[in-house]
Amino acid sequence: MCNPASFVVTKNCLVFWSKIHDQHHLIIKENNLRDAGVRGINIIKVEITPPTDGRKVSDLKNWDYTLDETEIPSWYNASAVEAACRRELHFWAKYHVIRSSKTFATIDGHRSLVLIRGHLKIGEVISGYVWSYGESHQEIDTVSGGDVRSCDKSHQEIGAVSGGYVRSYGESHQEIGADLRIKQ
């Protein structure tokens, strides 16, 4: 499973990402990239994710760099690739990180959002990622798919869950009205 923020990097250190989602395979498809050629591996997959160890999430410098590969090509230069991805992380954040209050009717199509502070109101999460951190607050009518997470001291209110993943970490607090995934 890909996590926010997902990047695909080429041999010559060009970094690709999406304004909407965080799915490596879709980033590769959208940009007509080739995984491998006659000379071997052409691209690598990278993730830079919010910290889970108490470091301040709002400071992107604290986010954790991870190479999401089982086979590492000989051309991979860890420090150069990480530096290039961290430069792009600031641009990625303009489309994915919420630092104030917002409302969405639905989240679907692999949409990826990270709430750092403020109040996020969503009618339905169908697919994609909605993660909240800090002392933020999420209010979601229905989760029918996707991955909804509450971390740190964030608060989450969900009317009903019929599918997907709903997780709580750290000191976060969740209130779920009805979990329709549980068979009676």
Protein backbone atom coordinates (compact mmCIF):
# COMPACT_ATOMS: atom_id res chain seq x y z
CA MET A 1 0.00 0.00 0.00
CA CYS A 2 1.38 3.41 -0.98
CA ASN A 3 1.42 6.17 1.63
CA PRO A 4 1.41 9.94 1.45
CA ALA A 5 3.69 11.40 0.13
CA SER A 6 4.58 9.08 -2.76
CA PHE A 7 7.20 9.87 -5.38
CA VAL A 8 8.67 8.07 -8.40
CA VAL A 9 12.27 8.95 -9.26
CA THR A 10 14.14 8.28 -12.51
CA LYS A 11 17.83 7.40 -13.04
CA ASN A 12 18.66 11.04 -13.72
CA CYS A 13 16.89 12.12 -10.50
CA LEU A 14 13.69 13.51 -12.02
CA VAL A 15 10.91 13.32 -9.41
CA PHE A 16 7.27 12.60 -10.32
CA TRP A 17 4.17 12.83 -8.08
CA SER A 18 0.46 13.51 -8.38
CA LYS A 19 -1.61 16.51 -7.32
CA ILE A 20 -4.49 14.18 -6.43
CA HIS A 21 -3.35 10.76 -5.22
CA ASP A 22 -0.43 8.86 -3.73
CA GLN A 23 -0.36 5.66 -5.76
CA HIS A 24 3.02 4.75 -7.28
CA HIS A 25 1.50 2.65 -10.07
CA LEU A 26 -0.79 5.54 -11.10
CA ILE A 27 2.08 8.06 -11.03
CA ILE A 28 4.04 5.71 -13.30
CA LYS A 29 1.08 5.31 -15.67
CA GLU A 30 0.20 9.04 -15.78
CA ASN A 31 3.76 9.97 -16.69
CA ASN A 32 4.37 7.09 -19.16
CA LEU A 33 7.35 5.86 -17.13
CA ARG A 34 8.88 2.42 -17.64
CA ASP A 35 9.79 0.32 -14.60
CA ALA A 36 12.66 -1.37 -16.40
CA GLY A 37 14.35 -1.51 -19.76
CA VAL A 38 17.14 -3.46 -21.45
CA ARG A 39 19.64 -1.81 -19.11
CA GLY A 40 17.74 -2.69 -15.93
CA ILE A 41 15.64 -0.71 -13.49
CA ASN A 42 14.66 2.79 -14.70
CA ILE A 43 12.74 4.15 -11.71
CA ILE A 44 12.43 3.79 -7.96
CA LYS A 45 9.52 4.39 -5.61
CA VAL A 46 9.93 6.64 -2.58
CA GLU A 47 7.66 7.74 0.27
CA ILE A 48 8.04 10.61 2.71
CA THR A 49 5.53 10.11 5.51
CA PRO A 50 4.45 12.10 8.56
CA PRO A 51 6.40 11.16 11.71
CA THR A 52 4.78 8.90 14.28
CA ASP A 53 7.25 9.44 17.10
CA GLY A 54 6.04 12.77 18.48
CA ARG A 55 8.05 15.07 16.22
CA LYS A 56 6.09 18.06 14.94
CA VAL A 57 4.13 16.98 11.85
CA SER A 58 3.62 20.52 10.56
CA ASP A 59 7.38 20.81 9.89
CA LEU A 60 7.96 18.84 6.68
CA LYS A 61 11.64 18.44 7.64
CA ASN A 62 10.48 15.95 10.29
CA TRP A 63 8.76 13.65 7.80
CA ASP A 64 10.40 10.24 7.30
CA TYR A 65 12.06 9.26 4.01
CA THR A 66 11.66 5.63 2.90
CA LEU A 67 12.76 3.81 -0.22
CA ASP A 68 9.79 1.60 -1.19
CA GLU A 69 11.73 -1.02 -3.14
CA THR A 70 12.89 -4.59 -2.64
CA GLU A 71 15.58 -4.35 -5.33
CA ILE A 72 17.84 -1.30 -5.29
CA PRO A 73 19.45 -0.36 -8.62
CA SER A 74 23.19 0.41 -8.83
CA TRP A 75 22.46 4.01 -9.94
CA TYR A 76 20.55 4.80 -6.72
CA ASN A 77 22.21 7.61 -4.74
CA ALA A 78 20.33 7.82 -1.43
CA SER A 79 21.34 11.36 -0.49
CA ALA A 80 20.68 12.83 -3.96
CA VAL A 81 17.29 11.12 -4.31
CA GLU A 82 16.20 12.07 -0.80
CA ALA A 83 17.23 15.71 -1.36
CA ALA A 84 15.33 15.85 -4.67
CA CYS A 85 12.20 14.30 -3.12
CA ARG A 86 12.32 16.61 -0.09
CA ARG A 87 12.43 19.62 -2.45
CA GLU A 88 9.31 18.30 -4.20
CA LEU A 89 7.59 17.55 -0.87
CA HIS A 90 6.87 21.26 -0.39
CA PHE A 91 5.06 21.40 -3.75
CA TRP A 92 3.24 18.12 -3.01
CA ALA A 93 2.05 19.58 0.33
CA LYS A 94 0.27 22.46 -1.43
CA TYR A 95 -2.18 19.92 -2.88
CA HIS A 96 -2.38 17.35 -0.09
CA VAL A 97 -1.79 19.00 3.30
CA ILE A 98 -4.64 20.86 4.99
CA ARG A 99 -3.68 23.44 7.61
CA SER A 100 -7.11 25.04 8.13
CA SER A 101 -10.79 24.09 8.07
CA LYS A 102 -12.23 22.59 4.85
CA THR A 103 -15.30 20.70 3.67
CA PHE A 104 -15.51 17.98 0.99
CA ALA A 105 -18.63 16.17 -0.25
CA THR A 106 -16.66 13.01 -1.07
CA ILE A 107 -13.12 11.71 -1.11
CA ASP A 108 -12.59 9.13 -3.83
CA GLY A 109 -10.41 8.15 -6.75
CA HIS A 110 -7.39 7.53 -4.52
CA ARG A 111 -7.44 11.14 -3.25
CA SER A 112 -4.87 11.75 -0.53
CA LEU A 113 -5.24 14.34 2.27
CA VAL A 114 -3.21 14.97 5.41
CA LEU A 115 -4.88 17.22 7.99
CA ILE A 116 -2.34 18.93 10.23
CA ARG A 117 -4.61 21.38 12.00
CA GLY A 118 -8.12 22.70 11.69
CA HIS A 119 -11.44 20.99 11.11
CA LEU A 120 -12.12 18.72 8.15
CA LYS A 121 -15.72 17.82 7.29
CA ILE A 122 -16.37 15.08 4.72
CA GLY A 123 -19.65 13.57 3.57
CA GLU A 124 -18.23 10.20 2.46
CA VAL A 125 -14.80 8.62 2.07
CA ILE A 126 -15.09 6.14 -0.80
CA SER A 127 -11.39 5.54 -1.49
CA GLY A 128 -8.08 7.26 -0.91
CA TYR A 129 -6.39 8.46 2.27
CA VAL A 130 -7.52 10.91 4.93
CA TRP A 131 -5.04 11.17 7.80
CA SER A 132 -5.26 13.65 10.67
CA TYR A 133 -2.48 14.74 13.04
CA GLY A 134 -1.85 17.12 15.91
CA GLU A 135 -4.95 18.52 17.56
CA SER A 136 -7.00 18.54 14.36
CA HIS A 137 -10.61 17.39 14.09
CA GLN A 138 -12.23 15.21 11.41
CA GLU A 139 -15.97 14.85 10.99
CA ILE A 140 -16.97 12.19 8.44
CA ASP A 141 -20.54 11.07 7.73
CA THR A 142 -19.63 7.69 6.16
CA VAL A 143 -16.49 5.68 5.47
CA SER A 144 -17.23 3.09 2.77
CA GLY A 145 -13.63 2.59 1.60
CA GLY A 146 -10.15 4.02 1.76
CA ASP A 147 -7.86 4.54 4.72
CA VAL A 148 -8.90 6.97 7.47
CA ARG A 149 -6.38 7.55 10.28
CA SER A 150 -6.36 9.62 13.43
CA CYS A 151 -2.91 10.22 14.95
CA ASP A 152 -1.34 12.21 17.80
CA LYS A 153 -4.08 14.10 19.68
CA SER A 154 -6.49 14.46 16.78
CA HIS A 155 -10.20 13.78 17.16
CA GLN A 156 -12.36 11.87 14.70
CA GLU A 157 -16.15 11.59 14.54
CA ILE A 158 -17.54 9.08 12.04
CA GLY A 159 -21.27 8.47 11.55
CA ALA A 160 -20.98 5.01 9.97
CA VAL A 161 -18.28 2.68 8.65
CA SER A 162 -19.24 0.15 5.96
CA GLY A 163 -15.80 -0.55 4.47
CA GLY A 164 -12.20 0.56 4.28
CA TYR A 165 -9.80 1.03 7.18
CA VAL A 166 -10.39 3.25 10.18
CA ARG A 167 -7.41 3.47 12.52
CA SER A 168 -6.43 5.42 15.60
CA TYR A 169 -2.87 5.94 16.86
CA GLY A 170 -1.29 7.56 19.91
CA GLU A 171 -3.54 9.74 22.04
CA SER A 172 -6.09 10.31 19.27
CA HIS A 173 -9.77 9.84 19.94
CA GLN A 174 -12.40 8.25 17.71
CA GLU A 175 -16.17 8.18 17.92
CA ILE A 176 -17.89 5.82 15.49
CA GLY A 177 -21.68 5.82 15.35
CA ALA A 178 -22.17 2.48 13.59
CA ASP A 179 -19.66 -0.07 12.34
CA LEU A 180 -21.57 -1.87 9.60
CA ARG A 181 -18.61 -4.18 8.87
CA ILE A 182 -19.33 -6.17 12.04
CA LYS A 183 -21.68 -9.06 11.40
CA GLN A 184 -24.34 -9.43 14.10
